[in-house]
Amino acid sequence: MRGTVVGPTPYPIGTMLPAVYQEDPFAMGFTAGLDDVLAAVIGTIDCIDWYVDPLITPFDFLEWLGGWVGALMDENAPEDRLRALVAGSVDLHRRRGTVGGLRAHLELLTGGRVEIVDSGGTAWSTTPGASVPGAASPRLAVRVIASDPAVTVGLVDTAVQQSKPAHVRHRVEVMGQ
């Protein structure tokens, strides 16, 4: 159980003192008290890699760790899906704003199959205010086919809003298998 420390610290302060202080009972007793206080801190620092690895961190730390990497988390999702989402969040941020990145994010978030239709295209002109070819307003249609009935349209809509460019209109549809 976290929070309880069994046994002494692996690095007792008294053994690091010069020999003249190691012979003094008061100095050794004082540093032994500090050892008891610092044992929990040293134990946490020694195991820090267990806390920051999303695949092995304690479940109650997973949401906190997800906040570090900006993962949109669904509290109703199974634990293995949440762990995969947090583990993949850094790569997802690298691909943010792309159709492939949005698809990967929604697949991790919902555990379903994702279909995205993007109006796409870019246009430019050297003349300010000139009419450029292409769609007047870019659009994005997202369909999620999820086996989990707890997947909500609101969650998917929030994920799409956070990932797409602000000027792109979108439509979200969530279907069961």
N, C-alpha and C. Protein backbone atom coordinates (compact mmCIF):
# COMPACT_ATOMS: atom_id res chain seq x y z
N MET A 1 0.84 -1.18 0.00
CA MET A 1 0.00 0.00 0.00
C MET A 1 0.88 1.24 0.00
N ARG A 2 0.53 2.19 -0.88
CA ARG A 2 1.28 3.44 -0.91
C ARG A 2 1.01 4.23 0.36
N GLY A 3 1.97 4.99 0.79
CA GLY A 3 1.81 5.83 1.96
C GLY A 3 2.41 5.25 3.22
N THR A 4 2.68 3.97 3.23
CA THR A 4 3.31 3.38 4.39
C THR A 4 4.70 2.91 3.98
N VAL A 5 5.64 3.12 4.84
CA VAL A 5 7.02 2.74 4.58
C VAL A 5 7.40 1.65 5.56
N VAL A 6 7.84 0.53 5.02
CA VAL A 6 8.24 -0.59 5.85
C VAL A 6 9.76 -0.65 5.86
N GLY A 7 10.34 -0.61 7.02
CA GLY A 7 11.79 -0.72 7.13
C GLY A 7 12.49 0.63 7.06
N PRO A 8 13.77 0.62 7.32
CA PRO A 8 14.54 1.87 7.33
C PRO A 8 14.86 2.33 5.91
N THR A 9 15.34 3.55 5.84
CA THR A 9 15.77 4.09 4.55
C THR A 9 17.02 3.35 4.07
N PRO A 10 17.16 3.17 2.78
CA PRO A 10 18.36 2.49 2.29
C PRO A 10 19.61 3.36 2.36
N TYR A 11 19.43 4.64 2.68
CA TYR A 11 20.57 5.58 2.75
C TYR A 11 20.57 6.28 4.10
N PRO A 12 20.92 5.60 5.19
CA PRO A 12 20.89 6.25 6.51
C PRO A 12 21.89 7.41 6.58
N ILE A 13 21.42 8.52 7.09
CA ILE A 13 22.24 9.73 7.16
C ILE A 13 23.41 9.55 8.12
N GLY A 14 23.18 8.84 9.22
CA GLY A 14 24.23 8.66 10.22
C GLY A 14 25.48 8.00 9.67
N THR A 15 25.33 7.08 8.72
CA THR A 15 26.50 6.40 8.16
C THR A 15 27.29 7.30 7.21
N MET A 16 26.71 8.43 6.82
CA MET A 16 27.41 9.36 5.94
C MET A 16 28.17 10.43 6.70
N LEU A 17 28.00 10.47 8.00
CA LEU A 17 28.68 11.46 8.83
C LEU A 17 30.13 11.05 9.09
N PRO A 18 30.97 12.01 9.40
CA PRO A 18 32.34 11.66 9.79
C PRO A 18 32.33 10.78 11.05
N ALA A 19 33.38 10.02 11.25
CA ALA A 19 33.47 9.04 12.34
C ALA A 19 33.27 9.67 13.71
N VAL A 20 33.72 10.90 13.90
CA VAL A 20 33.58 11.53 15.20
C VAL A 20 32.10 11.70 15.57
N TYR A 21 31.23 11.97 14.59
CA TYR A 21 29.80 12.11 14.86
C TYR A 21 29.11 10.75 14.96
N GLN A 22 29.65 9.74 14.27
CA GLN A 22 29.05 8.41 14.34
C GLN A 22 29.22 7.81 15.74
N GLU A 23 30.19 8.30 16.50
CA GLU A 23 30.40 7.81 17.87
C GLU A 23 29.52 8.55 18.87
N ASP A 24 28.87 9.63 18.45
CA ASP A 24 28.03 10.43 19.35
C ASP A 24 26.59 9.89 19.32
N PRO A 25 26.08 9.40 20.46
CA PRO A 25 24.71 8.85 20.49
C PRO A 25 23.64 9.88 20.13
N PHE A 26 23.83 11.15 20.53
CA PHE A 26 22.84 12.17 20.20
C PHE A 26 22.77 12.40 18.69
N ALA A 27 23.92 12.52 18.03
CA ALA A 27 23.94 12.74 16.58
C ALA A 27 23.33 11.57 15.83
N MET A 28 23.64 10.36 16.28
CA MET A 28 23.08 9.17 15.61
C MET A 28 21.57 9.07 15.84
N GLY A 29 21.10 9.42 17.03
CA GLY A 29 19.66 9.40 17.31
C GLY A 29 18.92 10.47 16.52
N PHE A 30 19.54 11.65 16.42
CA PHE A 30 18.93 12.75 15.66
C PHE A 30 18.81 12.38 14.18
N THR A 31 19.87 11.85 13.61
CA THR A 31 19.82 11.49 12.19
C THR A 31 18.91 10.29 11.95
N ALA A 32 18.76 9.41 12.93
CA ALA A 32 17.82 8.29 12.78
C ALA A 32 16.38 8.81 12.69
N GLY A 33 16.08 9.87 13.43
CA GLY A 33 14.76 10.50 13.32
C GLY A 33 14.54 11.11 11.94
N LEU A 34 15.58 11.72 11.41
CA LEU A 34 15.48 12.26 10.04
C LEU A 34 15.31 11.14 9.02
N ASP A 35 15.98 10.02 9.26
CA ASP A 35 15.84 8.86 8.36
C ASP A 35 14.39 8.40 8.28
N ASP A 36 13.70 8.37 9.44
CA ASP A 36 12.30 7.95 9.46
C ASP A 36 11.42 8.91 8.65
N VAL A 37 11.71 10.19 8.74
CA VAL A 37 10.93 11.19 8.01
C VAL A 37 11.22 11.11 6.51
N LEU A 38 12.47 10.94 6.16
CA LEU A 38 12.86 10.95 4.75
C LEU A 38 12.65 9.62 4.04
N ALA A 39 12.34 8.56 4.76
CA ALA A 39 12.19 7.24 4.13
C ALA A 39 11.10 7.24 3.07
N ALA A 40 9.98 7.91 3.35
CA ALA A 40 8.88 7.95 2.36
C ALA A 40 9.29 8.74 1.12
N VAL A 41 10.00 9.83 1.31
CA VAL A 41 10.44 10.66 0.19
C VAL A 41 11.44 9.88 -0.67
N ILE A 42 12.39 9.25 -0.04
CA ILE A 42 13.40 8.48 -0.77
C ILE A 42 12.76 7.32 -1.50
N GLY A 43 11.79 6.65 -0.86
CA GLY A 43 11.09 5.54 -1.52
C GLY A 43 10.34 6.00 -2.75
N THR A 44 9.71 7.18 -2.69
CA THR A 44 8.98 7.71 -3.84
C THR A 44 9.94 8.08 -4.96
N ILE A 45 11.04 8.72 -4.63
CA ILE A 45 12.01 9.12 -5.66
C ILE A 45 12.65 7.89 -6.30
N ASP A 46 12.93 6.86 -5.50
CA ASP A 46 13.51 5.63 -6.06
C ASP A 46 12.56 4.94 -7.02
N CYS A 47 11.25 5.13 -6.85
CA CYS A 47 10.25 4.46 -7.70
C CYS A 47 9.55 5.42 -8.65
N ILE A 48 10.15 6.56 -8.95
CA ILE A 48 9.48 7.58 -9.76
C ILE A 48 9.11 7.06 -11.14
N ASP A 49 9.91 6.17 -11.69
CA ASP A 49 9.58 5.64 -13.02
C ASP A 49 8.29 4.84 -13.00
N TRP A 50 7.91 4.27 -11.88
CA TRP A 50 6.64 3.55 -11.77
C TRP A 50 5.46 4.52 -11.78
N TYR A 51 5.68 5.74 -11.35
CA TYR A 51 4.60 6.71 -11.30
C TYR A 51 4.39 7.42 -12.64
N VAL A 52 5.41 7.54 -13.46
CA VAL A 52 5.27 8.30 -14.71
C VAL A 52 5.13 7.41 -15.94
N ASP A 53 5.11 6.12 -15.79
CA ASP A 53 4.86 5.22 -16.91
C ASP A 53 3.37 4.88 -16.92
N PRO A 54 2.63 5.33 -17.95
CA PRO A 54 1.17 5.13 -17.93
C PRO A 54 0.74 3.66 -17.97
N LEU A 55 1.60 2.77 -18.38
CA LEU A 55 1.21 1.37 -18.45
C LEU A 55 1.31 0.66 -17.11
N ILE A 56 2.08 1.22 -16.16
CA ILE A 56 2.24 0.56 -14.86
C ILE A 56 1.93 1.45 -13.66
N THR A 57 1.62 2.72 -13.89
CA THR A 57 1.33 3.61 -12.77
C THR A 57 0.08 3.14 -12.03
N PRO A 58 -0.02 3.41 -10.74
CA PRO A 58 -1.26 3.08 -10.03
C PRO A 58 -2.44 3.79 -10.70
N PHE A 59 -3.59 3.15 -10.73
CA PHE A 59 -4.73 3.67 -11.48
C PHE A 59 -5.13 5.07 -11.01
N ASP A 60 -5.04 5.35 -9.70
CA ASP A 60 -5.44 6.67 -9.22
C ASP A 60 -4.46 7.77 -9.65
N PHE A 61 -3.28 7.43 -10.14
CA PHE A 61 -2.34 8.41 -10.68
C PHE A 61 -2.54 8.62 -12.17
N LEU A 62 -3.29 7.76 -12.83
CA LEU A 62 -3.42 7.80 -14.28
C LEU A 62 -4.07 9.10 -14.76
N GLU A 63 -5.11 9.56 -14.08
CA GLU A 63 -5.76 10.81 -14.48
C GLU A 63 -4.80 11.98 -14.30
N TRP A 64 -4.06 11.98 -13.22
CA TRP A 64 -3.08 13.03 -12.96
C TRP A 64 -2.00 13.04 -14.05
N LEU A 65 -1.54 11.85 -14.42
CA LEU A 65 -0.54 11.73 -15.47
C LEU A 65 -1.12 12.16 -16.82
N GLY A 66 -2.39 11.84 -17.06
CA GLY A 66 -3.05 12.28 -18.28
C GLY A 66 -3.12 13.80 -18.37
N GLY A 67 -3.26 14.46 -17.24
CA GLY A 67 -3.24 15.92 -17.22
C GLY A 67 -1.90 16.49 -17.65
N TRP A 68 -0.83 15.79 -17.35
CA TRP A 68 0.51 16.23 -17.76
C TRP A 68 0.62 16.30 -19.27
N VAL A 69 0.03 15.33 -19.96
CA VAL A 69 0.17 15.26 -21.42
C VAL A 69 -1.07 15.74 -22.14
N GLY A 70 -2.02 16.33 -21.42
CA GLY A 70 -3.21 16.90 -22.03
C GLY A 70 -4.14 15.88 -22.65
N ALA A 71 -4.25 14.70 -22.07
CA ALA A 71 -5.12 13.66 -22.61
C ALA A 71 -6.56 13.92 -22.21
N LEU A 72 -7.46 13.85 -23.18
CA LEU A 72 -8.89 13.93 -22.91
C LEU A 72 -9.32 12.55 -22.44
N MET A 73 -9.78 12.46 -21.19
CA MET A 73 -10.05 11.15 -20.60
C MET A 73 -11.55 10.99 -20.36
N ASP A 74 -12.04 9.79 -20.62
CA ASP A 74 -13.43 9.42 -20.36
C ASP A 74 -13.44 8.54 -19.12
N GLU A 75 -14.05 9.04 -18.03
CA GLU A 75 -14.02 8.28 -16.77
C GLU A 75 -14.78 6.98 -16.84
N ASN A 76 -15.62 6.79 -17.87
CA ASN A 76 -16.37 5.55 -18.02
C ASN A 76 -15.61 4.49 -18.83
N ALA A 77 -14.49 4.86 -19.41
CA ALA A 77 -13.74 3.94 -20.26
C ALA A 77 -13.02 2.89 -19.41
N PRO A 78 -12.78 1.72 -19.98
CA PRO A 78 -12.02 0.70 -19.24
C PRO A 78 -10.58 1.14 -19.00
N GLU A 79 -9.98 0.58 -17.97
CA GLU A 79 -8.63 0.97 -17.56
C GLU A 79 -7.60 0.78 -18.66
N ASP A 80 -7.66 -0.31 -19.40
CA ASP A 80 -6.66 -0.55 -20.44
C ASP A 80 -6.76 0.49 -21.55
N ARG A 81 -7.96 0.95 -21.87
CA ARG A 81 -8.11 2.00 -22.90
C ARG A 81 -7.55 3.33 -22.41
N LEU A 82 -7.80 3.65 -21.13
CA LEU A 82 -7.26 4.89 -20.56
C LEU A 82 -5.74 4.88 -20.55
N ARG A 83 -5.16 3.74 -20.19
CA ARG A 83 -3.70 3.63 -20.17
C ARG A 83 -3.12 3.81 -21.58
N ALA A 84 -3.76 3.20 -22.58
CA ALA A 84 -3.30 3.34 -23.97
C ALA A 84 -3.44 4.78 -24.44
N LEU A 85 -4.51 5.46 -24.03
CA LEU A 85 -4.72 6.85 -24.42
C LEU A 85 -3.63 7.75 -23.85
N VAL A 86 -3.32 7.59 -22.57
CA VAL A 86 -2.28 8.41 -21.95
C VAL A 86 -0.91 8.09 -22.57
N ALA A 87 -0.65 6.81 -22.80
CA ALA A 87 0.64 6.42 -23.40
C ALA A 87 0.79 6.97 -24.81
N GLY A 88 -0.30 7.09 -25.56
CA GLY A 88 -0.22 7.57 -26.93
C GLY A 88 -0.42 9.06 -27.09
N SER A 89 -0.65 9.79 -26.00
CA SER A 89 -0.98 11.22 -26.09
C SER A 89 0.14 12.07 -26.67
N VAL A 90 1.36 11.77 -26.36
CA VAL A 90 2.46 12.58 -26.89
C VAL A 90 2.53 12.46 -28.41
N ASP A 91 2.39 11.25 -28.92
CA ASP A 91 2.36 11.05 -30.38
C ASP A 91 1.13 11.72 -30.99
N LEU A 92 0.00 11.66 -30.30
CA LEU A 92 -1.21 12.30 -30.80
C LEU A 92 -1.05 13.81 -30.92
N HIS A 93 -0.36 14.43 -29.97
CA HIS A 93 -0.13 15.87 -30.04
C HIS A 93 0.77 16.22 -31.23
N ARG A 94 1.66 15.35 -31.55
CA ARG A 94 2.54 15.56 -32.70
C ARG A 94 1.73 15.57 -34.00
N ARG A 95 0.66 14.79 -34.05
CA ARG A 95 -0.15 14.65 -35.26
C ARG A 95 -1.45 15.45 -35.18
N ARG A 96 -1.57 16.30 -34.18
CA ARG A 96 -2.79 17.06 -33.96
C ARG A 96 -3.10 17.96 -35.16
N GLY A 97 -4.39 18.04 -35.50
CA GLY A 97 -4.82 18.89 -36.61
C GLY A 97 -4.84 18.16 -37.95
N THR A 98 -4.41 16.92 -37.97
CA THR A 98 -4.45 16.13 -39.21
C THR A 98 -5.57 15.10 -39.10
N VAL A 99 -6.04 14.65 -40.27
CA VAL A 99 -7.09 13.64 -40.27
C VAL A 99 -6.59 12.35 -39.62
N GLY A 100 -5.37 11.95 -39.92
CA GLY A 100 -4.80 10.74 -39.32
C GLY A 100 -4.67 10.86 -37.81
N GLY A 101 -4.26 12.02 -37.34
CA GLY A 101 -4.13 12.24 -35.90
C GLY A 101 -5.48 12.21 -35.21
N LEU A 102 -6.50 12.82 -35.84
CA LEU A 102 -7.84 12.80 -35.26
C LEU A 102 -8.40 11.38 -35.23
N ARG A 103 -8.19 10.64 -36.30
CA ARG A 103 -8.66 9.25 -36.35
C ARG A 103 -8.01 8.42 -35.25
N ALA A 104 -6.68 8.54 -35.11
CA ALA A 104 -5.97 7.77 -34.07
C ALA A 104 -6.46 8.16 -32.68
N HIS A 105 -6.68 9.45 -32.46
CA HIS A 105 -7.14 9.91 -31.15
C HIS A 105 -8.53 9.34 -30.84
N LEU A 106 -9.44 9.41 -31.79
CA LEU A 106 -10.79 8.92 -31.55
C LEU A 106 -10.81 7.40 -31.39
N GLU A 107 -9.96 6.69 -32.11
CA GLU A 107 -9.90 5.24 -31.94
C GLU A 107 -9.41 4.86 -30.56
N LEU A 108 -8.42 5.59 -30.05
CA LEU A 108 -7.94 5.33 -28.69
C LEU A 108 -9.00 5.72 -27.65
N LEU A 109 -9.67 6.83 -27.90
CA LEU A 109 -10.64 7.35 -26.94
C LEU A 109 -11.89 6.47 -26.85
N THR A 110 -12.37 5.98 -27.99
CA THR A 110 -13.63 5.25 -28.01
C THR A 110 -13.47 3.74 -28.11
N GLY A 111 -12.34 3.28 -28.61
CA GLY A 111 -12.15 1.85 -28.83
C GLY A 111 -12.94 1.34 -30.02
N GLY A 112 -13.42 2.23 -30.85
CA GLY A 112 -14.23 1.85 -32.01
C GLY A 112 -13.52 2.15 -33.32
N ARG A 113 -14.26 1.96 -34.41
CA ARG A 113 -13.75 2.25 -35.74
C ARG A 113 -14.20 3.67 -36.11
N VAL A 114 -13.32 4.44 -36.70
CA VAL A 114 -13.60 5.85 -36.99
C VAL A 114 -13.50 6.09 -38.48
N GLU A 115 -14.52 6.76 -39.01
CA GLU A 115 -14.52 7.17 -40.42
C GLU A 115 -14.57 8.69 -40.45
N ILE A 116 -13.65 9.31 -41.22
CA ILE A 116 -13.60 10.77 -41.30
C ILE A 116 -13.64 11.18 -42.75
N VAL A 117 -14.52 12.13 -43.06
CA VAL A 117 -14.58 12.72 -44.40
C VAL A 117 -14.24 14.19 -44.23
N ASP A 118 -13.18 14.60 -44.91
CA ASP A 118 -12.68 15.97 -44.82
C ASP A 118 -12.81 16.63 -46.18
N SER A 119 -13.37 17.86 -46.23
CA SER A 119 -13.48 18.55 -47.51
C SER A 119 -12.10 18.85 -48.07
N GLY A 120 -11.13 19.03 -47.18
CA GLY A 120 -9.72 19.15 -47.56
C GLY A 120 -9.41 20.31 -48.48
N GLY A 121 -8.19 20.28 -48.94
CA GLY A 121 -7.74 21.27 -49.91
C GLY A 121 -7.27 22.56 -49.27
N THR A 122 -6.37 23.20 -49.96
CA THR A 122 -5.90 24.51 -49.58
C THR A 122 -5.84 25.36 -50.83
N ALA A 123 -5.90 26.64 -50.66
CA ALA A 123 -5.81 27.56 -51.79
C ALA A 123 -5.08 28.80 -51.34
N TRP A 124 -4.48 29.49 -52.28
CA TRP A 124 -3.78 30.71 -51.93
C TRP A 124 -3.76 31.64 -53.15
N SER A 125 -3.48 32.87 -52.90
CA SER A 125 -3.41 33.86 -53.97
C SER A 125 -2.42 34.92 -53.58
N THR A 126 -1.75 35.48 -54.57
CA THR A 126 -0.81 36.57 -54.29
C THR A 126 -1.53 37.91 -54.21
N THR A 127 -2.78 37.93 -54.61
CA THR A 127 -3.57 39.16 -54.58
C THR A 127 -4.50 39.12 -53.37
N PRO A 128 -4.40 40.11 -52.48
CA PRO A 128 -5.28 40.11 -51.31
C PRO A 128 -6.75 40.24 -51.72
N GLY A 129 -7.60 39.46 -51.11
CA GLY A 129 -9.03 39.53 -51.37
C GLY A 129 -9.46 38.85 -52.65
N ALA A 130 -8.54 38.23 -53.37
CA ALA A 130 -8.90 37.57 -54.62
C ALA A 130 -9.69 36.31 -54.33
N SER A 131 -10.55 35.95 -55.24
CA SER A 131 -11.33 34.73 -55.11
C SER A 131 -10.44 33.54 -55.42
N VAL A 132 -10.47 32.55 -54.55
CA VAL A 132 -9.65 31.37 -54.76
C VAL A 132 -10.56 30.17 -54.96
N PRO A 133 -10.12 29.19 -55.73
CA PRO A 133 -10.97 28.02 -55.96
C PRO A 133 -11.05 27.15 -54.72
N GLY A 134 -12.02 26.25 -54.73
CA GLY A 134 -12.16 25.30 -53.61
C GLY A 134 -13.42 25.54 -52.84
N ALA A 135 -13.58 24.80 -51.78
CA ALA A 135 -14.78 24.90 -50.96
C ALA A 135 -14.82 26.23 -50.24
N ALA A 136 -16.01 26.82 -50.19
CA ALA A 136 -16.16 28.11 -49.52
C ALA A 136 -15.93 27.98 -48.01
N SER A 137 -16.37 26.87 -47.46
CA SER A 137 -16.15 26.66 -46.03
C SER A 137 -15.74 25.20 -45.82
N PRO A 138 -14.60 24.97 -45.22
CA PRO A 138 -14.14 23.59 -45.00
C PRO A 138 -15.06 22.87 -44.01
N ARG A 139 -15.24 21.56 -44.25
CA ARG A 139 -16.14 20.75 -43.44
C ARG A 139 -15.44 19.46 -43.03
N LEU A 140 -15.96 18.89 -41.95
CA LEU A 140 -15.43 17.64 -41.44
C LEU A 140 -16.60 16.80 -40.93
N ALA A 141 -16.70 15.58 -41.41
CA ALA A 141 -17.74 14.66 -40.94
C ALA A 141 -17.06 13.48 -40.26
N VAL A 142 -17.47 13.19 -39.04
CA VAL A 142 -16.85 12.12 -38.24
C VAL A 142 -17.92 11.12 -37.86
N ARG A 143 -17.66 9.86 -38.15
CA ARG A 143 -18.56 8.77 -37.74
C ARG A 143 -17.74 7.78 -36.92
N VAL A 144 -18.24 7.49 -35.73
CA VAL A 144 -17.59 6.52 -34.85
C VAL A 144 -18.52 5.33 -34.72
N ILE A 145 -17.99 4.16 -35.01
CA ILE A 145 -18.74 2.91 -34.84
C ILE A 145 -18.12 2.20 -33.65
N ALA A 146 -18.81 2.30 -32.52
CA ALA A 146 -18.25 1.82 -31.26
C ALA A 146 -19.00 0.59 -30.76
N SER A 147 -18.27 -0.34 -30.20
CA SER A 147 -18.90 -1.51 -29.59
C SER A 147 -19.33 -1.20 -28.17
N ASP A 148 -18.78 -0.13 -27.60
CA ASP A 148 -19.10 0.26 -26.23
C ASP A 148 -20.26 1.24 -26.25
N PRO A 149 -21.42 0.90 -25.70
CA PRO A 149 -22.57 1.81 -25.74
C PRO A 149 -22.40 3.05 -24.86
N ALA A 150 -21.39 3.07 -24.00
CA ALA A 150 -21.19 4.22 -23.12
C ALA A 150 -20.53 5.39 -23.84
N VAL A 151 -20.04 5.18 -25.07
CA VAL A 151 -19.40 6.26 -25.82
C VAL A 151 -20.47 7.29 -26.16
N THR A 152 -20.24 8.52 -25.77
CA THR A 152 -21.23 9.56 -25.98
C THR A 152 -20.82 10.49 -27.11
N VAL A 153 -21.82 11.09 -27.73
CA VAL A 153 -21.58 12.05 -28.80
C VAL A 153 -20.82 13.26 -28.24
N GLY A 154 -21.16 13.65 -27.01
CA GLY A 154 -20.50 14.81 -26.40
C GLY A 154 -19.01 14.63 -26.24
N LEU A 155 -18.58 13.44 -25.83
CA LEU A 155 -17.16 13.16 -25.67
C LEU A 155 -16.44 13.23 -27.01
N VAL A 156 -17.03 12.61 -28.03
CA VAL A 156 -16.42 12.63 -29.36
C VAL A 156 -16.41 14.04 -29.90
N ASP A 157 -17.51 14.79 -29.72
CA ASP A 157 -17.59 16.17 -30.20
C ASP A 157 -16.52 17.03 -29.54
N THR A 158 -16.31 16.86 -28.25
CA THR A 158 -15.26 17.62 -27.54
C THR A 158 -13.88 17.30 -28.10
N ALA A 159 -13.61 16.02 -28.36
CA ALA A 159 -12.32 15.62 -28.91
C ALA A 159 -12.12 16.22 -30.30
N VAL A 160 -13.17 16.23 -31.12
CA VAL A 160 -13.06 16.80 -32.48
C VAL A 160 -12.83 18.31 -32.39
N GLN A 161 -13.56 18.99 -31.51
CA GLN A 161 -13.39 20.44 -31.37
C GLN A 161 -11.97 20.79 -30.93
N GLN A 162 -11.39 19.99 -30.06
CA GLN A 162 -10.04 20.28 -29.59
C GLN A 162 -8.97 19.97 -30.63
N SER A 163 -9.28 19.10 -31.59
CA SER A 163 -8.26 18.66 -32.54
C SER A 163 -8.31 19.38 -33.88
N LYS A 164 -9.46 19.84 -34.30
CA LYS A 164 -9.59 20.42 -35.63
C LYS A 164 -9.26 21.91 -35.59
N PRO A 165 -8.94 22.50 -36.73
CA PRO A 165 -8.77 23.96 -36.78
C PRO A 165 -10.09 24.66 -36.43
N ALA A 166 -10.02 25.82 -35.84
CA ALA A 166 -11.21 26.50 -35.33
C ALA A 166 -12.20 26.89 -36.42
N HIS A 167 -11.73 27.16 -37.64
CA HIS A 167 -12.63 27.64 -38.69
C HIS A 167 -13.36 26.51 -39.42
N VAL A 168 -13.03 25.26 -39.13
CA VAL A 168 -13.63 24.11 -39.82
C VAL A 168 -14.91 23.69 -39.09
N ARG A 169 -16.03 23.63 -39.85
CA ARG A 169 -17.28 23.14 -39.27
C ARG A 169 -17.23 21.61 -39.24
N HIS A 170 -17.91 21.02 -38.27
CA HIS A 170 -17.88 19.57 -38.17
C HIS A 170 -19.24 19.00 -37.79
N ARG A 171 -19.40 17.71 -38.08
CA ARG A 171 -20.60 16.95 -37.71
C ARG A 171 -20.12 15.62 -37.16
N VAL A 172 -20.71 15.20 -36.04
CA VAL A 172 -20.31 13.97 -35.37
C VAL A 172 -21.49 13.01 -35.31
N GLU A 173 -21.21 11.75 -35.57
CA GLU A 173 -22.22 10.70 -35.47
C GLU A 173 -21.58 9.50 -34.76
N VAL A 174 -22.26 9.01 -33.73
CA VAL A 174 -21.79 7.84 -33.00
C VAL A 174 -22.82 6.74 -33.17
N MET A 175 -22.35 5.59 -33.63
CA MET A 175 -23.23 4.45 -33.89
C MET A 175 -22.72 3.24 -33.12
N GLY A 176 -23.65 2.36 -32.76
CA GLY A 176 -23.26 1.10 -32.15
C GLY A 176 -23.02 0.06 -33.22
N GLN A 177 -22.32 -1.02 -32.87
CA GLN A 177 -22.04 -2.07 -33.87
C GLN A 177 -23.22 -2.94 -34.09
